[in-house]
Amino acid sequence: MLHAREGERSVMTPQQVLQAVESVRRAQTDGRYAPHKPLLLLLALARAQQGESRLMTLGEVEPKLKELLRTFAPSSSVKTRHYPYWHLQSDAGRQLWQVEGPRSLIDRSPGATPNLGELKQPGVQAGFTPEVSRALMDQPGLLREAALRVLDAYFPETLHQDIAAAAGVDLEPPHQVQEPETPYLTQTLRRRKRDPEFRERVLRAYEWRCCVCGFDLRVGHMPAGLEAAHIQWHHMGGPDEEPNGLSLCALHHKLFDLGAFTIEPVSHRIEFSQHAVAGVRGDAGELRHHGRPMLQPQHQDMNPAPIYLEWNRRNVFKAPVRA
C-alpha cells in the first residue's frame, strides 16, 4: 500500500484508509457469519471520535464488544469475542490494526490465537495503526465515512442507526461545522446494485400485508410502514427475488434482522427466539405470533426458499427456539 509523505511522517490518504476498512475479511465461526471485526472497528472509531487513546486493552473494550455481539450477532458469537482483537492485525496488509505487548506474544504467528487470559495480561494493547489514527483525526468527515462503510458492508440498513448508537459512533456531522466536499464521502460509495422493483414485487406477492401480523395500513393508495425484507441479507449475497423476500411491517422487519424470530423452512411457521422477552404483555404481545404459520404469498413459487431461510437461521437468528 502506497502512502503520501508529510515531512518525515508516513500519512495514509482517505481513500487508502477506506480501502483498508473495506478489505477486512469476513470471519466465519463454525460456518456462520461472524461480525466480530466490524463491531470492534466501530468501537475503535467511537474511541477516536471521542478523543480517547489510540491503543486500548482488551479489558477496556471487551464488555462493550460482548454486549454488541449479544445484540447484533448470532447467539454463539460471544464465546469468541477476543478473536478480532488479535486477528485484525492480519487484514489490510497489516496497515489497519496493530497489537503491542510482550515479545513472547507478539512473535506468535497470526494464526495462533491467544486465549482470553493471554490477551488480558499487562502490557497488551491494540488499536488502529498510527497512520490510520492520524488520518482519521486530520481528515474532515473521514471517520464518519469509515463508520458508514463498515455498517453498509456488514449489516442491513434497518440496524445501522441502532448499531452506531450502541457502539457510541455519532454519524451526524457537528451542526456548527461546515465540512468541505470530499471525493470519498457516501455519495460515491460503491454499493452493490439493488433491483429497484424488488420492494414492489415482494409487497404485491404478499398482497401488501405483513406476513407476520397482517398489518396493511394505507395512506390513500400508499402502503404505510410496509417493507420488503431480504431473508439472506443483500450485502451478504442475497438476491433481489421473491423467494428471498418477506413483506414485513417496520417493526417485524427490524425484529427479523435482529434475529428475534425466523421462519421454519418447511412449515413456514414463525419461530421466536428464547432471547426475545415480551415483558409484562407476555403472550399478548409479539410472542403471540410464535408457532403460527406466516401469511402465504399469492403463489407457491413466491414462497420463501429453504436455502435462504436456512441462511437466516444459521447466521442471524438467535438460537434456541422458544418451546
Protein backbone atom coordinates (compact mmCIF):
# COMPACT_ATOMS: atom_id res chain seq x y z
CA MET A 1 0.00 0.00 0.00
CA LEU A 2 1.42 3.38 -1.02
CA HIS A 3 1.46 6.30 1.38
CA ALA A 4 1.82 10.04 0.94
CA ARG A 5 4.68 11.70 2.76
CA GLU A 6 4.31 14.60 5.19
CA GLY A 7 7.78 15.66 6.30
CA GLU A 8 9.24 12.56 7.90
CA ARG A 9 5.87 11.07 8.75
CA SER A 10 4.04 8.40 6.78
CA VAL A 11 0.46 9.53 6.11
CA MET A 12 -2.38 7.46 4.67
CA THR A 13 -4.77 9.18 2.29
CA PRO A 14 -8.53 9.00 3.00
CA GLN A 15 -9.01 6.62 0.09
CA GLN A 16 -6.33 4.29 1.48
CA VAL A 17 -7.94 4.28 4.92
CA LEU A 18 -11.35 3.44 3.44
CA GLN A 19 -9.80 0.74 1.26
CA ALA A 20 -8.21 -0.78 4.37
CA VAL A 21 -11.52 -0.72 6.25
CA GLU A 22 -13.40 -2.31 3.35
CA SER A 23 -10.77 -5.02 2.81
CA VAL A 24 -11.25 -6.57 6.26
CA ARG A 25 -12.04 -10.23 5.73
CA ARG A 26 -15.41 -11.53 6.81
CA ALA A 27 -14.77 -14.06 9.53
CA GLN A 28 -16.61 -17.38 9.76
CA THR A 29 -17.21 -19.25 13.00
CA ASP A 30 -18.45 -22.82 12.55
CA GLY A 31 -19.70 -21.88 9.09
CA ARG A 32 -21.61 -18.87 10.43
CA TYR A 33 -21.19 -15.22 9.56
CA ALA A 34 -19.21 -13.59 12.39
CA PRO A 35 -19.45 -9.77 12.67
CA HIS A 36 -16.77 -9.52 15.39
CA LYS A 37 -14.30 -7.44 13.36
CA PRO A 38 -16.73 -4.77 12.11
CA LEU A 39 -18.17 -4.33 15.60
CA LEU A 40 -14.68 -3.91 17.07
CA LEU A 41 -13.81 -1.41 14.33
CA LEU A 42 -16.91 0.63 15.23
CA LEU A 43 -15.87 0.66 18.90
CA ALA A 44 -12.37 1.82 17.89
CA LEU A 45 -13.87 4.53 15.67
CA ALA A 46 -16.04 5.68 18.59
CA ARG A 47 -12.92 5.98 20.78
CA ALA A 48 -11.19 8.08 18.11
CA GLN A 49 -14.27 10.28 17.72
CA GLN A 50 -14.34 10.86 21.48
CA GLY A 51 -10.63 11.74 21.60
CA GLU A 52 -9.56 8.66 23.55
CA SER A 53 -6.16 6.99 23.21
CA ARG A 54 -5.40 5.04 20.04
CA LEU A 55 -4.49 1.80 21.83
CA MET A 56 -6.79 0.01 24.24
CA THR A 57 -6.59 -3.02 26.45
CA LEU A 58 -8.94 -5.93 25.87
CA GLY A 59 -10.33 -5.31 29.36
CA GLU A 60 -11.43 -1.82 28.25
CA VAL A 61 -13.25 -2.92 25.12
CA GLU A 62 -14.40 -6.47 25.92
CA PRO A 63 -17.60 -5.62 27.90
CA LYS A 64 -18.83 -3.32 25.13
CA LEU A 65 -17.96 -5.80 22.38
CA LYS A 66 -19.64 -8.62 24.31
CA GLU A 67 -22.85 -6.61 24.58
CA LEU A 68 -22.78 -5.70 20.87
CA LEU A 69 -22.34 -9.36 19.96
CA ARG A 70 -25.22 -10.36 22.22
CA THR A 71 -27.50 -7.91 20.42
CA PHE A 72 -26.35 -7.89 16.81
CA ALA A 73 -24.73 -11.30 16.20
CA PRO A 74 -25.75 -14.97 16.31
CA SER A 75 -26.05 -16.26 19.86
CA SER A 76 -22.82 -18.30 19.72
CA SER A 77 -20.63 -15.31 18.77
CA VAL A 78 -19.97 -14.13 22.33
CA LYS A 79 -17.70 -17.11 23.02
CA THR A 80 -15.09 -15.85 20.53
CA ARG A 81 -15.21 -12.16 21.39
CA HIS A 82 -11.42 -11.85 21.77
CA TYR A 83 -10.68 -13.10 18.24
CA PRO A 84 -10.91 -9.76 16.35
CA TYR A 85 -8.64 -8.01 18.86
CA TRP A 86 -5.84 -10.32 17.68
CA HIS A 87 -6.77 -11.23 14.10
CA LEU A 88 -7.49 -7.72 12.74
CA GLN A 89 -3.72 -7.15 12.54
CA SER A 90 -3.55 -9.66 9.66
CA ASP A 91 -6.05 -7.76 7.48
CA ALA A 92 -5.46 -4.90 5.03
CA GLY A 93 -1.78 -5.72 4.56
CA ARG A 94 -1.20 -5.09 8.28
CA GLN A 95 -1.83 -1.37 7.66
CA LEU A 96 -5.06 -1.02 9.67
CA TRP A 97 -4.57 -2.59 13.11
CA GLN A 98 -1.68 -3.37 15.42
CA VAL A 99 -1.20 -5.32 18.62
CA GLU A 100 1.52 -4.38 21.13
CA GLY A 101 2.72 -6.50 24.03
CA PRO A 102 5.45 -8.85 25.28
CA ARG A 103 7.68 -10.39 22.60
CA SER A 104 6.52 -13.87 23.61
CA LEU A 105 3.04 -12.86 22.43
CA ILE A 106 3.83 -10.54 19.52
CA ASP A 107 6.23 -13.02 17.88
CA ARG A 108 3.50 -15.65 17.76
CA SER A 109 2.16 -16.44 14.28
CA PRO A 110 -1.08 -14.58 13.45
CA GLY A 111 -2.99 -17.85 13.16
CA ALA A 112 -2.07 -18.94 16.71
CA THR A 113 -4.86 -17.14 18.55
CA PRO A 114 -4.04 -16.33 22.19
CA ASN A 115 -6.70 -17.14 24.74
CA LEU A 116 -8.69 -14.51 26.59
CA GLY A 117 -6.34 -14.55 29.60
CA GLU A 118 -3.22 -14.09 27.47
CA LEU A 119 -4.68 -11.07 25.72
CA LYS A 120 -5.62 -9.53 29.06
CA GLN A 121 -2.14 -9.78 30.56
CA PRO A 122 -0.41 -6.48 31.47
CA GLY A 123 1.19 -4.60 28.62
CA VAL A 124 -1.05 -5.94 25.84
CA GLN A 125 -2.79 -3.21 23.84
CA ALA A 126 -4.29 -2.97 20.37
CA GLY A 127 -5.82 -0.36 18.09
CA PHE A 128 -5.53 1.46 14.79
CA THR A 129 -2.04 1.96 13.40
CA PRO A 130 -0.58 5.47 13.90
CA GLU A 131 -1.08 6.23 10.19
CA VAL A 132 -4.77 5.34 10.26
CA SER A 133 -5.31 7.16 13.55
CA ARG A 134 -3.65 10.31 12.21
CA ALA A 135 -5.73 10.29 9.03
CA LEU A 136 -8.97 9.84 10.99
CA MET A 137 -8.11 12.87 13.14
CA ASP A 138 -6.82 15.10 10.34
CA GLN A 139 -9.31 14.47 7.51
CA PRO A 140 -12.78 16.06 7.94
CA GLY A 141 -15.59 13.57 7.62
CA LEU A 142 -13.32 10.54 7.17
CA LEU A 143 -14.17 8.90 10.49
CA ARG A 144 -17.91 9.04 9.87
CA GLU A 145 -17.42 7.79 6.32
CA ALA A 146 -15.38 4.85 7.61
CA ALA A 147 -18.16 4.01 10.08
CA LEU A 148 -20.81 4.21 7.35
CA ARG A 149 -18.82 1.89 5.11
CA VAL A 150 -18.40 -0.66 7.88
CA LEU A 151 -22.14 -0.57 8.52
CA ASP A 152 -23.01 -0.78 4.83
CA ALA A 153 -20.65 -3.69 4.18
CA TYR A 154 -21.64 -5.88 7.13
CA PHE A 155 -25.15 -5.06 8.39
CA PRO A 156 -28.67 -4.49 6.98
CA GLU A 157 -29.77 -0.87 6.77
CA THR A 158 -32.55 -1.45 9.32
CA LEU A 159 -29.89 -1.81 12.05
CA HIS A 160 -27.39 0.91 11.07
CA GLN A 161 -28.55 3.61 13.47
CA ASP A 162 -29.05 1.15 16.32
CA ILE A 163 -25.58 -0.37 15.93
CA ALA A 164 -23.90 3.02 15.61
CA ALA A 165 -25.66 4.30 18.73
CA ALA A 166 -24.81 1.16 20.70
CA ALA A 167 -21.15 1.41 19.65
CA GLY A 168 -21.03 5.11 20.51
CA VAL A 169 -20.41 6.43 16.98
CA ASP A 170 -22.12 9.69 16.02
CA LEU A 171 -22.98 9.50 12.31
CA GLU A 172 -24.13 13.12 12.10
CA PRO A 173 -21.60 15.93 11.45
CA PRO A 174 -21.44 18.72 14.05
CA HIS A 175 -24.13 21.28 13.17
CA GLN A 176 -21.78 24.19 13.68
CA VAL A 177 -19.11 22.80 11.36
CA GLN A 178 -19.35 23.08 7.57
CA GLU A 179 -17.28 20.21 6.26
CA PRO A 180 -15.72 20.65 2.82
CA GLU A 181 -16.86 18.42 -0.01
CA THR A 182 -14.53 15.47 -0.39
CA PRO A 183 -14.36 12.77 -3.06
CA TYR A 184 -14.65 9.92 -0.58
CA LEU A 185 -17.97 10.73 1.10
CA THR A 186 -21.01 8.48 0.88
CA GLN A 187 -22.42 9.85 -2.36
CA THR A 188 -19.60 7.98 -4.16
CA LEU A 189 -19.83 4.85 -2.02
CA ARG A 190 -19.75 1.75 -4.20
CA ARG A 191 -22.83 -0.21 -3.23
CA ARG A 192 -23.94 -3.50 -4.68
CA LYS A 193 -26.67 -2.56 -7.13
CA ARG A 194 -30.16 -3.34 -5.92
CA ASP A 195 -33.18 -4.05 -8.04
CA PRO A 196 -35.48 -1.00 -7.58
CA GLU A 197 -38.54 -3.20 -8.28
CA PHE A 198 -37.78 -5.72 -5.50
CA ARG A 199 -39.93 -3.92 -2.92
CA GLU A 200 -42.93 -3.63 -5.25
CA ARG A 201 -42.77 -7.29 -6.28
CA VAL A 202 -42.46 -8.62 -2.73
CA LEU A 203 -45.24 -6.43 -1.29
CA ARG A 204 -47.51 -7.38 -4.17
CA ALA A 205 -46.72 -11.08 -3.65
CA TYR A 206 -48.00 -10.79 -0.06
CA GLU A 207 -50.92 -8.56 -1.08
CA TRP A 208 -49.48 -5.58 0.78
CA ARG A 209 -49.68 -7.23 4.21
CA CYS A 210 -47.08 -8.01 6.85
CA CYS A 211 -46.70 -11.78 6.63
CA VAL A 212 -46.33 -11.98 10.43
CA CYS A 213 -49.07 -9.75 11.84
CA GLY A 214 -51.19 -8.87 8.79
CA PHE A 215 -50.54 -5.10 9.13
CA ASP A 216 -51.89 -3.49 5.94
CA LEU A 217 -52.46 0.21 6.64
CA ARG A 218 -52.56 2.52 3.64
CA VAL A 219 -52.49 6.30 3.45
CA GLY A 220 -54.52 6.96 0.33
CA HIS A 221 -53.15 4.42 -2.13
CA MET A 222 -49.73 4.26 -0.48
CA PRO A 223 -48.85 1.31 1.82
CA ALA A 224 -47.56 2.75 5.11
CA GLY A 225 -44.90 1.09 7.24
CA LEU A 226 -44.53 -1.97 4.99
CA GLU A 227 -41.05 -3.05 3.86
CA ALA A 228 -39.55 -5.77 1.69
CA ALA A 229 -37.04 -7.67 3.85
CA HIS A 230 -34.22 -9.76 2.42
CA ILE A 231 -34.14 -13.17 4.14
CA GLN A 232 -30.48 -13.63 3.23
CA TRP A 233 -29.10 -10.12 3.62
CA HIS A 234 -28.50 -8.32 0.34
CA HIS A 235 -24.92 -7.32 1.20
CA MET A 236 -24.22 -10.97 2.04
CA GLY A 237 -25.17 -12.18 -1.43
CA GLY A 238 -28.94 -12.45 -1.04
CA PRO A 239 -30.66 -11.90 -4.41
CA ASP A 240 -33.43 -9.41 -5.20
CA GLU A 241 -36.09 -12.04 -5.90
CA GLU A 242 -39.38 -13.01 -4.27
CA PRO A 243 -38.18 -16.31 -2.72
CA ASN A 244 -35.58 -14.24 -0.81
CA GLY A 245 -38.12 -11.65 0.31
CA LEU A 246 -40.72 -11.20 3.01
CA SER A 247 -43.31 -8.47 3.30
CA LEU A 248 -42.92 -7.16 6.85
CA CYS A 249 -44.09 -4.14 8.79
CA ALA A 250 -41.27 -1.89 10.00
CA LEU A 251 -41.38 -3.45 13.49
CA HIS A 252 -41.17 -7.06 12.33
CA HIS A 253 -38.51 -6.19 9.74
CA LYS A 254 -36.25 -4.90 12.50
CA LEU A 255 -37.04 -7.87 14.78
CA PHE A 256 -36.28 -10.24 11.88
CA ASP A 257 -32.91 -8.58 11.20
CA LEU A 258 -32.10 -8.67 14.92
CA GLY A 259 -32.67 -12.43 14.96
CA ALA A 260 -35.65 -12.24 17.33
CA PHE A 261 -37.63 -14.61 15.10
CA THR A 262 -37.22 -16.65 11.96
CA ILE A 263 -39.41 -18.69 9.62
CA GLU A 264 -39.26 -22.50 9.75
CA PRO A 265 -38.13 -23.65 6.27
CA VAL A 266 -40.70 -26.46 5.77
CA SER A 267 -43.85 -25.48 7.65
CA HIS A 268 -43.28 -21.71 7.33
CA ARG A 269 -44.25 -21.28 10.96
CA ILE A 270 -42.97 -18.23 12.84
CA GLU A 271 -40.39 -19.18 15.47
CA PHE A 272 -39.32 -16.72 18.15
CA SER A 273 -36.03 -16.91 20.00
CA GLN A 274 -35.73 -17.64 23.71
CA HIS A 275 -33.71 -14.40 23.83
CA ALA A 276 -36.82 -12.41 22.82
CA VAL A 277 -38.64 -11.46 26.02
CA ALA A 278 -42.01 -9.72 25.82
CA GLY A 279 -42.14 -8.25 29.34
CA VAL A 280 -45.45 -7.78 31.13
CA ARG A 281 -47.52 -8.32 27.99
CA GLY A 282 -46.21 -11.86 27.60
CA ASP A 283 -48.15 -13.86 25.05
CA ALA A 284 -50.47 -10.91 24.43
CA GLY A 285 -47.56 -9.06 22.78
CA GLU A 286 -45.34 -10.06 19.89
CA LEU A 287 -44.89 -13.58 21.23
CA ARG A 288 -48.49 -14.35 20.29
CA HIS A 289 -47.20 -14.98 16.77
CA HIS A 290 -44.83 -17.73 17.91
CA GLY A 291 -45.77 -21.08 16.35
CA ARG A 292 -48.30 -19.59 13.95
CA PRO A 293 -47.92 -20.02 10.19
CA MET A 294 -46.88 -16.91 8.31
CA LEU A 295 -49.34 -15.42 5.83
CA GLN A 296 -48.63 -17.05 2.50
CA PRO A 297 -47.86 -15.19 -0.74
CA GLN A 298 -50.23 -15.36 -3.70
CA HIS A 299 -48.40 -18.20 -5.44
CA GLN A 300 -46.27 -21.06 -4.16
CA ASP A 301 -43.42 -20.02 -6.48
CA MET A 302 -43.14 -16.88 -4.32
CA ASN A 303 -42.76 -18.84 -1.07
CA PRO A 304 -39.55 -18.18 0.85
CA ALA A 305 -36.90 -20.61 -0.37
CA PRO A 306 -35.44 -23.06 2.18
CA ILE A 307 -31.87 -22.15 1.19
CA TYR A 308 -32.40 -18.52 2.25
CA LEU A 309 -34.35 -19.42 5.39
CA GLU A 310 -31.55 -21.78 6.42
CA TRP A 311 -29.01 -18.99 5.88
CA ASN A 312 -31.05 -16.70 8.11
CA ARG A 313 -31.45 -19.36 10.80
CA ARG A 314 -27.71 -20.06 10.78
CA ASN A 315 -26.38 -16.50 10.51
CA VAL A 316 -28.97 -14.17 12.06
CA PHE A 317 -31.46 -15.98 14.30
CA LYS A 318 -30.57 -16.08 17.99
CA ALA A 319 -30.99 -19.76 18.85
CA PRO A 320 -32.52 -21.59 20.59
CA VAL A 321 -36.18 -21.53 19.55
CA ARG A 322 -38.80 -20.97 22.21
CA ALA A 323 -40.73 -24.02 23.38
